[in-house]
């Protein structure tokens, strides 16, 4: 059972939610009384690449272009809007800089707004965005048993090391492949009007698995390519 503090529909302040799984309690920040129809990403396997899994030069070039510039007819966001070149994520300092220099930046739309309509308090203070997740059938909100979703405030996961080295993606492990994760982000954060194809998602995934910007060291990049594990001799 999930318990939460009461909150009025007009309030933009988050409440603390306790999700109880047996004896384990997970404390999260949640916004309630917000109903948004989120799209569930379909499962798309990462396209196998040839040779040493680096893929063709053309595929990598297209993946880089789509990561940096592909909006898919949405709200103007691209992958790079939220996943910066330097850290793979965004800090409160990054967000404040954007607010001062370009308050109309695509980052500051949609799920970056306090209630989905206006206000930028959470993203400005903590670099968090609103995430809508369906409630599992065995979990309910005590004060609203009919609720089928919960809205959480969540930081932006970094893309440094994660794409090539993590066996599962997202905090709730819902993305089974990089292509699946990319599709979910395009649906949920970019509000796409044009549906990406498998031929577009595969290069995005390959770019994240292989480009130097997605690794914190040459050793880890080499390890992702099948080299020796860090700290171990050959």
Foldseek 3Di string as FASTA:
>chain_A
DKEWDDDDLPDLDWTWIWWDDPPDTDIFTFDPPADDDADQFDADAADQADDLRLHDPVLLVLLVCQQVANLQAFLRDHVCVAQPLQWGGDFLVNVVVCCVPPVSPSVCAQQCASRRPHHRVCCNVGVWGKDKDFDPPVDAYPVCRVDGIIIGTDGDDGLALCLLPPCADDPVRSHRHQLRVNQSCSRGRSVHPHRDDSSSSNSNSSNSNADPSNYPDPQSNVVSSVDDDPPDDD
